[in-house]
Amino acid sequence: MRKLSSALLALLVLLAMGLLAEGDSTQVPAHHTSPPKKGEQLPPILPRDQLWGPAFQNAYQVHAYELAARIPAIIYQQPCYCYCDRIGHTSLHTCYEGTHAAHCSACLKELYYSYQMHKRGKTAAQIRKGIIAGEWENVDLQTGDQIN
């Protein structure tokens, strides 16, 4: 009976460890480590004429999509810390192909962070390092629409 209890306890510990690993927030979400291959066409960022309705109530939401369209290869190489890779996204770029980013503060903040760092001359890899370090979390969305 004692062996059975030990074996059951060991199984429960292993299962718990597996469940915790699935939700590991230290794991870097999906991203590309290099720009798209020469000639590779990325899916388009949601165009301006579609940036309306309930998903776009704030100027910073619309403006984020406008900026994303300026740096598609940069955001293609960035992870997204809302962990939308669990629903099939492959990078921050994917978030801006539809309305997902408009509803997500992580996507929006990471975009504004990426754009600002790009304007300062940072490479996609340097930007990714800052995103992984959590530097995007300090972005103030309320003033995001003033970033150009």
N, C-alpha and C. Protein backbone atom coordinates (compact mmCIF):
# COMPACT_ATOMS: atom_id res chain seq x y z
N MET A 1 0.83 -1.19 0.00
CA MET A 1 0.00 0.00 0.00
C MET A 1 0.87 1.26 0.00
N ARG A 2 1.97 1.20 0.76
CA ARG A 2 2.87 2.36 0.85
C ARG A 2 3.53 2.63 -0.51
N LYS A 3 3.92 1.55 -1.25
CA LYS A 3 4.52 1.72 -2.57
C LYS A 3 3.53 2.37 -3.52
N LEU A 4 2.27 1.98 -3.44
CA LEU A 4 1.23 2.55 -4.30
C LEU A 4 1.05 4.04 -3.98
N SER A 5 1.05 4.40 -2.72
CA SER A 5 0.91 5.81 -2.32
C SER A 5 2.09 6.63 -2.81
N SER A 6 3.29 6.09 -2.70
CA SER A 6 4.48 6.79 -3.18
C SER A 6 4.44 6.97 -4.69
N ALA A 7 4.03 5.93 -5.38
CA ALA A 7 3.95 5.99 -6.84
C ALA A 7 2.89 7.01 -7.26
N LEU A 8 1.77 7.03 -6.59
CA LEU A 8 0.70 7.98 -6.89
C LEU A 8 1.16 9.40 -6.62
N LEU A 9 1.84 9.60 -5.52
CA LEU A 9 2.37 10.92 -5.19
C LEU A 9 3.37 11.38 -6.24
N ALA A 10 4.25 10.49 -6.65
CA ALA A 10 5.24 10.82 -7.68
C ALA A 10 4.56 11.20 -8.99
N LEU A 11 3.52 10.47 -9.35
CA LEU A 11 2.76 10.77 -10.57
C LEU A 11 2.10 12.14 -10.47
N LEU A 12 1.51 12.44 -9.34
CA LEU A 12 0.87 13.75 -9.15
C LEU A 12 1.89 14.89 -9.22
N VAL A 13 3.06 14.68 -8.66
CA VAL A 13 4.12 15.70 -8.73
C VAL A 13 4.54 15.93 -10.18
N LEU A 14 4.72 14.86 -10.93
CA LEU A 14 5.11 14.99 -12.34
C LEU A 14 4.03 15.70 -13.14
N LEU A 15 2.78 15.37 -12.91
CA LEU A 15 1.68 16.05 -13.61
C LEU A 15 1.65 17.53 -13.27
N ALA A 16 1.81 17.86 -12.01
CA ALA A 16 1.81 19.26 -11.59
C ALA A 16 2.97 20.02 -12.24
N MET A 17 4.12 19.39 -12.30
CA MET A 17 5.29 20.03 -12.93
C MET A 17 5.02 20.27 -14.41
N GLY A 18 4.38 19.34 -15.06
CA GLY A 18 4.04 19.50 -16.47
C GLY A 18 3.08 20.65 -16.70
N LEU A 19 2.09 20.76 -15.84
CA LEU A 19 1.13 21.86 -15.96
C LEU A 19 1.79 23.20 -15.70
N LEU A 20 2.68 23.27 -14.74
CA LEU A 20 3.39 24.51 -14.46
C LEU A 20 4.29 24.90 -15.62
N ALA A 21 4.92 23.93 -16.25
CA ALA A 21 5.81 24.22 -17.38
C ALA A 21 5.03 24.81 -18.55
N GLU A 22 3.78 24.35 -18.77
CA GLU A 22 2.96 24.89 -19.85
C GLU A 22 2.69 26.37 -19.65
N GLY A 23 2.54 26.81 -18.45
CA GLY A 23 2.25 28.20 -18.16
C GLY A 23 3.48 28.99 -17.77
N ASP A 24 4.65 28.54 -18.15
CA ASP A 24 5.92 29.16 -17.78
C ASP A 24 6.07 30.52 -18.44
N SER A 25 5.95 31.58 -17.67
CA SER A 25 6.03 32.92 -18.23
C SER A 25 7.46 33.36 -18.48
N THR A 26 8.45 32.53 -18.17
CA THR A 26 9.84 32.88 -18.47
C THR A 26 10.22 32.43 -19.87
N GLN A 27 9.39 31.65 -20.50
CA GLN A 27 9.67 31.17 -21.85
C GLN A 27 9.39 32.29 -22.85
N VAL A 28 10.32 32.51 -23.77
CA VAL A 28 10.15 33.54 -24.79
C VAL A 28 9.13 33.05 -25.82
N PRO A 29 8.09 33.85 -26.07
CA PRO A 29 7.08 33.45 -27.06
C PRO A 29 7.66 33.35 -28.48
N ALA A 30 6.88 32.78 -29.37
CA ALA A 30 7.30 32.59 -30.76
C ALA A 30 7.70 33.91 -31.41
N HIS A 31 8.74 33.83 -32.22
CA HIS A 31 9.22 34.97 -33.00
C HIS A 31 10.19 34.45 -34.06
N HIS A 32 10.54 35.31 -34.98
CA HIS A 32 11.51 34.95 -36.01
C HIS A 32 12.84 35.62 -35.64
N THR A 33 13.93 34.91 -35.81
CA THR A 33 15.23 35.46 -35.41
C THR A 33 15.92 36.23 -36.53
N SER A 34 15.32 36.24 -37.70
CA SER A 34 15.87 37.00 -38.82
C SER A 34 14.72 37.60 -39.62
N PRO A 35 15.03 38.61 -40.45
CA PRO A 35 13.97 39.22 -41.25
C PRO A 35 13.42 38.24 -42.28
N PRO A 36 12.30 38.58 -42.89
CA PRO A 36 11.77 37.70 -43.95
C PRO A 36 12.82 37.52 -45.05
N LYS A 37 12.80 36.37 -45.67
CA LYS A 37 13.74 36.12 -46.76
C LYS A 37 13.48 37.09 -47.91
N LYS A 38 14.52 37.41 -48.64
CA LYS A 38 14.41 38.33 -49.76
C LYS A 38 13.31 37.84 -50.71
N GLY A 39 12.39 38.71 -51.02
CA GLY A 39 11.28 38.36 -51.90
C GLY A 39 10.07 37.77 -51.17
N GLU A 40 10.23 37.41 -49.90
CA GLU A 40 9.12 36.86 -49.12
C GLU A 40 8.13 37.97 -48.79
N GLN A 41 6.90 37.77 -49.12
CA GLN A 41 5.86 38.75 -48.86
C GLN A 41 5.18 38.43 -47.53
N LEU A 42 5.24 39.36 -46.59
CA LEU A 42 4.54 39.18 -45.32
C LEU A 42 3.07 39.48 -45.50
N PRO A 43 2.21 38.83 -44.73
CA PRO A 43 0.80 39.21 -44.78
C PRO A 43 0.67 40.69 -44.40
N PRO A 44 -0.27 41.39 -44.98
CA PRO A 44 -0.37 42.82 -44.71
C PRO A 44 -0.85 43.12 -43.28
N ILE A 45 -0.39 44.26 -42.79
CA ILE A 45 -0.93 44.81 -41.54
C ILE A 45 -2.34 45.28 -41.88
N LEU A 46 -3.25 45.15 -40.94
CA LEU A 46 -4.63 45.57 -41.17
C LEU A 46 -4.63 47.02 -41.67
N PRO A 47 -5.19 47.29 -42.85
CA PRO A 47 -5.11 48.63 -43.44
C PRO A 47 -5.98 49.67 -42.73
N ARG A 48 -5.61 50.92 -42.93
CA ARG A 48 -6.27 52.05 -42.28
C ARG A 48 -7.78 52.05 -42.47
N ASP A 49 -8.26 51.69 -43.64
CA ASP A 49 -9.71 51.73 -43.89
C ASP A 49 -10.48 50.68 -43.08
N GLN A 50 -9.76 49.79 -42.40
CA GLN A 50 -10.42 48.79 -41.56
C GLN A 50 -10.21 49.05 -40.07
N LEU A 51 -9.63 50.20 -39.74
CA LEU A 51 -9.33 50.52 -38.34
C LEU A 51 -10.47 51.35 -37.74
N TRP A 52 -11.62 50.75 -37.63
CA TRP A 52 -12.77 51.43 -37.07
C TRP A 52 -13.61 50.42 -36.28
N GLY A 53 -14.61 50.90 -35.59
CA GLY A 53 -15.49 50.01 -34.83
C GLY A 53 -15.05 49.87 -33.38
N PRO A 54 -15.64 48.93 -32.67
CA PRO A 54 -15.39 48.80 -31.23
C PRO A 54 -13.94 48.50 -30.87
N ALA A 55 -13.18 47.91 -31.78
CA ALA A 55 -11.78 47.59 -31.47
C ALA A 55 -10.89 48.82 -31.51
N PHE A 56 -11.38 49.91 -32.08
CA PHE A 56 -10.55 51.08 -32.29
C PHE A 56 -11.19 52.34 -31.70
N GLN A 57 -11.43 52.31 -30.42
CA GLN A 57 -12.07 53.42 -29.72
C GLN A 57 -11.09 54.52 -29.33
N ASN A 58 -9.80 54.19 -29.27
CA ASN A 58 -8.78 55.14 -28.83
C ASN A 58 -7.81 55.44 -29.96
N ALA A 59 -7.34 56.68 -30.00
CA ALA A 59 -6.40 57.09 -31.05
C ALA A 59 -5.13 56.24 -31.02
N TYR A 60 -4.68 55.83 -29.82
CA TYR A 60 -3.45 55.04 -29.76
C TYR A 60 -3.60 53.67 -30.39
N GLN A 61 -4.82 53.14 -30.46
CA GLN A 61 -5.03 51.85 -31.11
C GLN A 61 -4.85 51.98 -32.63
N VAL A 62 -5.46 52.99 -33.21
CA VAL A 62 -5.34 53.24 -34.65
C VAL A 62 -3.89 53.56 -35.01
N HIS A 63 -3.28 54.43 -34.23
CA HIS A 63 -1.91 54.86 -34.51
C HIS A 63 -0.92 53.69 -34.44
N ALA A 64 -1.14 52.77 -33.54
CA ALA A 64 -0.25 51.60 -33.45
C ALA A 64 -0.24 50.83 -34.76
N TYR A 65 -1.39 50.66 -35.37
CA TYR A 65 -1.46 49.95 -36.65
C TYR A 65 -0.75 50.73 -37.76
N GLU A 66 -0.88 52.04 -37.72
CA GLU A 66 -0.19 52.87 -38.71
C GLU A 66 1.32 52.71 -38.57
N LEU A 67 1.82 52.71 -37.33
CA LEU A 67 3.26 52.54 -37.10
C LEU A 67 3.71 51.12 -37.45
N ALA A 68 2.88 50.14 -37.14
CA ALA A 68 3.22 48.74 -37.45
C ALA A 68 3.46 48.57 -38.95
N ALA A 69 2.67 49.26 -39.76
CA ALA A 69 2.82 49.17 -41.21
C ALA A 69 4.14 49.77 -41.68
N ARG A 70 4.76 50.61 -40.86
CA ARG A 70 6.05 51.23 -41.22
C ARG A 70 7.24 50.31 -40.90
N ILE A 71 7.04 49.37 -39.97
CA ILE A 71 8.17 48.52 -39.55
C ILE A 71 7.80 47.02 -39.54
N PRO A 72 7.22 46.52 -40.61
CA PRO A 72 6.77 45.12 -40.58
C PRO A 72 7.89 44.12 -40.36
N ALA A 73 9.06 44.34 -40.94
CA ALA A 73 10.16 43.38 -40.77
C ALA A 73 10.71 43.39 -39.34
N ILE A 74 10.61 44.53 -38.67
CA ILE A 74 11.07 44.63 -37.27
C ILE A 74 10.11 43.85 -36.36
N ILE A 75 8.80 44.09 -36.49
CA ILE A 75 7.86 43.41 -35.59
C ILE A 75 7.71 41.93 -35.94
N TYR A 76 8.08 41.55 -37.15
CA TYR A 76 8.12 40.14 -37.55
C TYR A 76 9.12 39.37 -36.70
N GLN A 77 10.14 40.07 -36.20
CA GLN A 77 11.21 39.44 -35.43
C GLN A 77 11.03 39.57 -33.92
N GLN A 78 9.85 40.02 -33.48
CA GLN A 78 9.63 40.24 -32.04
C GLN A 78 8.64 39.23 -31.47
N PRO A 79 8.89 38.77 -30.26
CA PRO A 79 7.92 37.91 -29.58
C PRO A 79 6.76 38.77 -29.07
N CYS A 80 5.68 38.14 -28.72
CA CYS A 80 4.55 38.87 -28.15
C CYS A 80 4.21 38.26 -26.79
N TYR A 81 4.34 39.09 -25.77
CA TYR A 81 4.18 38.60 -24.40
C TYR A 81 2.73 38.53 -23.92
N CYS A 82 1.79 38.49 -24.85
CA CYS A 82 0.45 38.07 -24.43
C CYS A 82 0.31 36.57 -24.71
N TYR A 83 1.42 36.00 -25.19
CA TYR A 83 1.51 34.56 -25.47
C TYR A 83 0.45 34.09 -26.46
N CYS A 84 0.20 34.93 -27.46
CA CYS A 84 -0.77 34.56 -28.49
C CYS A 84 -0.21 33.49 -29.43
N ASP A 85 1.05 33.13 -29.25
CA ASP A 85 1.58 32.00 -30.03
C ASP A 85 0.79 30.73 -29.70
N ARG A 86 0.13 30.73 -28.57
CA ARG A 86 -0.71 29.59 -28.18
C ARG A 86 -1.94 29.47 -29.08
N ILE A 87 -2.28 30.56 -29.78
CA ILE A 87 -3.42 30.51 -30.72
C ILE A 87 -2.93 30.57 -32.16
N GLY A 88 -1.62 30.33 -32.36
CA GLY A 88 -1.08 30.22 -33.71
C GLY A 88 -0.30 31.41 -34.22
N HIS A 89 -0.18 32.48 -33.44
CA HIS A 89 0.61 33.62 -33.89
C HIS A 89 2.09 33.24 -33.89
N THR A 90 2.83 33.80 -34.84
CA THR A 90 4.24 33.46 -34.97
C THR A 90 5.17 34.59 -34.56
N SER A 91 4.63 35.78 -34.33
CA SER A 91 5.42 36.93 -33.91
C SER A 91 4.47 38.08 -33.62
N LEU A 92 5.03 39.21 -33.20
CA LEU A 92 4.22 40.41 -32.97
C LEU A 92 3.53 40.86 -34.26
N HIS A 93 4.16 40.62 -35.40
CA HIS A 93 3.55 40.99 -36.69
C HIS A 93 2.17 40.37 -36.84
N THR A 94 2.03 39.12 -36.48
CA THR A 94 0.76 38.40 -36.64
C THR A 94 -0.37 39.13 -35.92
N CYS A 95 -0.07 39.74 -34.80
CA CYS A 95 -1.09 40.44 -34.00
C CYS A 95 -1.71 41.60 -34.76
N TYR A 96 -0.94 42.17 -35.67
CA TYR A 96 -1.38 43.35 -36.43
C TYR A 96 -1.96 43.00 -37.79
N GLU A 97 -2.06 41.74 -38.09
CA GLU A 97 -2.69 41.32 -39.34
C GLU A 97 -4.21 41.33 -39.22
N GLY A 98 -4.71 41.36 -38.00
CA GLY A 98 -6.14 41.42 -37.71
C GLY A 98 -6.35 42.38 -36.55
N THR A 99 -7.47 42.27 -35.86
CA THR A 99 -7.79 43.21 -34.78
C THR A 99 -7.24 42.80 -33.42
N HIS A 100 -6.54 41.68 -33.34
CA HIS A 100 -6.05 41.18 -32.06
C HIS A 100 -5.30 42.24 -31.26
N ALA A 101 -4.35 42.93 -31.90
CA ALA A 101 -3.50 43.90 -31.18
C ALA A 101 -4.30 45.04 -30.58
N ALA A 102 -5.37 45.44 -31.22
CA ALA A 102 -6.17 46.57 -30.73
C ALA A 102 -6.77 46.28 -29.36
N HIS A 103 -6.97 45.02 -29.04
CA HIS A 103 -7.57 44.60 -27.78
C HIS A 103 -6.54 44.25 -26.71
N CYS A 104 -5.27 44.35 -27.03
CA CYS A 104 -4.24 43.78 -26.16
C CYS A 104 -3.18 44.82 -25.80
N SER A 105 -3.08 45.14 -24.53
CA SER A 105 -2.09 46.15 -24.10
C SER A 105 -0.66 45.68 -24.32
N ALA A 106 -0.39 44.38 -24.19
CA ALA A 106 0.97 43.88 -24.43
C ALA A 106 1.35 44.11 -25.89
N CYS A 107 0.47 43.76 -26.82
CA CYS A 107 0.75 43.96 -28.25
C CYS A 107 0.97 45.44 -28.56
N LEU A 108 0.13 46.28 -28.01
CA LEU A 108 0.23 47.71 -28.27
C LEU A 108 1.51 48.30 -27.69
N LYS A 109 1.81 47.97 -26.45
CA LYS A 109 3.01 48.49 -25.80
C LYS A 109 4.27 48.00 -26.50
N GLU A 110 4.30 46.73 -26.90
CA GLU A 110 5.47 46.20 -27.59
C GLU A 110 5.67 46.88 -28.94
N LEU A 111 4.57 47.20 -29.62
CA LEU A 111 4.69 47.89 -30.90
C LEU A 111 5.29 49.28 -30.69
N TYR A 112 4.75 50.03 -29.75
CA TYR A 112 5.28 51.37 -29.51
C TYR A 112 6.74 51.32 -29.05
N TYR A 113 7.07 50.37 -28.23
CA TYR A 113 8.46 50.19 -27.80
C TYR A 113 9.35 49.89 -29.02
N SER A 114 8.92 48.93 -29.85
CA SER A 114 9.69 48.55 -31.03
C SER A 114 9.90 49.74 -31.96
N TYR A 115 8.85 50.51 -32.17
CA TYR A 115 8.95 51.66 -33.07
C TYR A 115 9.93 52.70 -32.53
N GLN A 116 9.81 53.00 -31.25
CA GLN A 116 10.71 54.00 -30.65
C GLN A 116 12.16 53.54 -30.71
N MET A 117 12.41 52.29 -30.41
CA MET A 117 13.78 51.77 -30.43
C MET A 117 14.32 51.75 -31.86
N HIS A 118 13.48 51.39 -32.81
CA HIS A 118 13.88 51.41 -34.22
C HIS A 118 14.28 52.82 -34.64
N LYS A 119 13.49 53.80 -34.23
CA LYS A 119 13.80 55.20 -34.56
C LYS A 119 15.12 55.64 -33.92
N ARG A 120 15.50 55.01 -32.82
CA ARG A 120 16.78 55.32 -32.16
C ARG A 120 17.95 54.55 -32.77
N GLY A 121 17.68 53.77 -33.81
CA GLY A 121 18.74 53.06 -34.50
C GLY A 121 19.02 51.66 -33.99
N LYS A 122 18.17 51.13 -33.13
CA LYS A 122 18.38 49.78 -32.60
C LYS A 122 18.02 48.74 -33.67
N THR A 123 18.73 47.64 -33.67
CA THR A 123 18.44 46.53 -34.58
C THR A 123 17.25 45.72 -34.03
N ALA A 124 16.70 44.89 -34.87
CA ALA A 124 15.61 44.02 -34.42
C ALA A 124 16.05 43.14 -33.26
N ALA A 125 17.28 42.64 -33.32
CA ALA A 125 17.79 41.79 -32.23
C ALA A 125 17.94 42.57 -30.94
N GLN A 126 18.40 43.81 -31.01
CA GLN A 126 18.52 44.65 -29.82
C GLN A 126 17.13 44.98 -29.25
N ILE A 127 16.19 45.23 -30.12
CA ILE A 127 14.82 45.50 -29.69
C ILE A 127 14.24 44.27 -29.00
N ARG A 128 14.47 43.11 -29.60
CA ARG A 128 13.98 41.86 -29.01
C ARG A 128 14.57 41.64 -27.62
N LYS A 129 15.83 41.95 -27.45
CA LYS A 129 16.47 41.81 -26.14
C LYS A 129 15.76 42.70 -25.11
N GLY A 130 15.42 43.92 -25.50
CA GLY A 130 14.70 44.83 -24.60
C GLY A 130 13.29 44.34 -24.29
N ILE A 131 12.64 43.78 -25.30
CA ILE A 131 11.29 43.23 -25.08
C ILE A 131 11.36 42.07 -24.10
N ILE A 132 12.31 41.18 -24.30
CA ILE A 132 12.46 40.02 -23.41
C ILE A 132 12.75 40.49 -21.98
N ALA A 133 13.49 41.60 -21.86
CA ALA A 133 13.81 42.15 -20.53
C ALA A 133 12.62 42.88 -19.91
N GLY A 134 11.54 43.05 -20.67
CA GLY A 134 10.33 43.68 -20.13
C GLY A 134 10.30 45.19 -20.25
N GLU A 135 11.21 45.78 -21.04
CA GLU A 135 11.26 47.23 -21.16
C GLU A 135 10.00 47.82 -21.78
N TRP A 136 9.27 47.04 -22.57
CA TRP A 136 8.03 47.49 -23.19
C TRP A 136 6.94 47.81 -22.18
N GLU A 137 7.03 47.22 -21.00
CA GLU A 137 5.98 47.39 -19.99
C GLU A 137 5.85 48.83 -19.50
N ASN A 138 6.88 49.65 -19.71
CA ASN A 138 6.85 51.03 -19.24
C ASN A 138 6.20 51.99 -20.23
N VAL A 139 5.78 51.51 -21.39
CA VAL A 139 5.17 52.37 -22.39
C VAL A 139 3.80 52.84 -21.89
N ASP A 140 3.54 54.13 -22.04
CA ASP A 140 2.25 54.72 -21.66
C ASP A 140 1.36 54.79 -22.90
N LEU A 141 0.36 53.95 -22.96
CA LEU A 141 -0.52 53.92 -24.12
C LEU A 141 -1.28 55.22 -24.32
N GLN A 142 -1.58 55.91 -23.25
CA GLN A 142 -2.37 57.14 -23.36
C GLN A 142 -1.65 58.22 -24.17
N THR A 143 -0.33 58.13 -24.26
CA THR A 143 0.42 59.10 -25.06
C THR A 143 0.99 58.46 -26.32
N GLY A 144 0.64 57.22 -26.59
CA GLY A 144 1.17 56.50 -27.74
C GLY A 144 0.85 57.15 -29.06
N ASP A 145 -0.31 57.76 -29.19
CA ASP A 145 -0.67 58.36 -30.46
C ASP A 145 0.16 59.59 -30.80
N GLN A 146 1.00 60.04 -29.87
CA GLN A 146 1.87 61.19 -30.12
C GLN A 146 3.26 60.76 -30.61
N ILE A 147 3.51 59.46 -30.66
CA ILE A 147 4.80 58.95 -31.10
C ILE A 147 4.85 58.90 -32.63
N ASN A 148 5.86 59.49 -33.19
CA ASN A 148 6.05 59.48 -34.66
C ASN A 148 7.46 59.19 -35.03
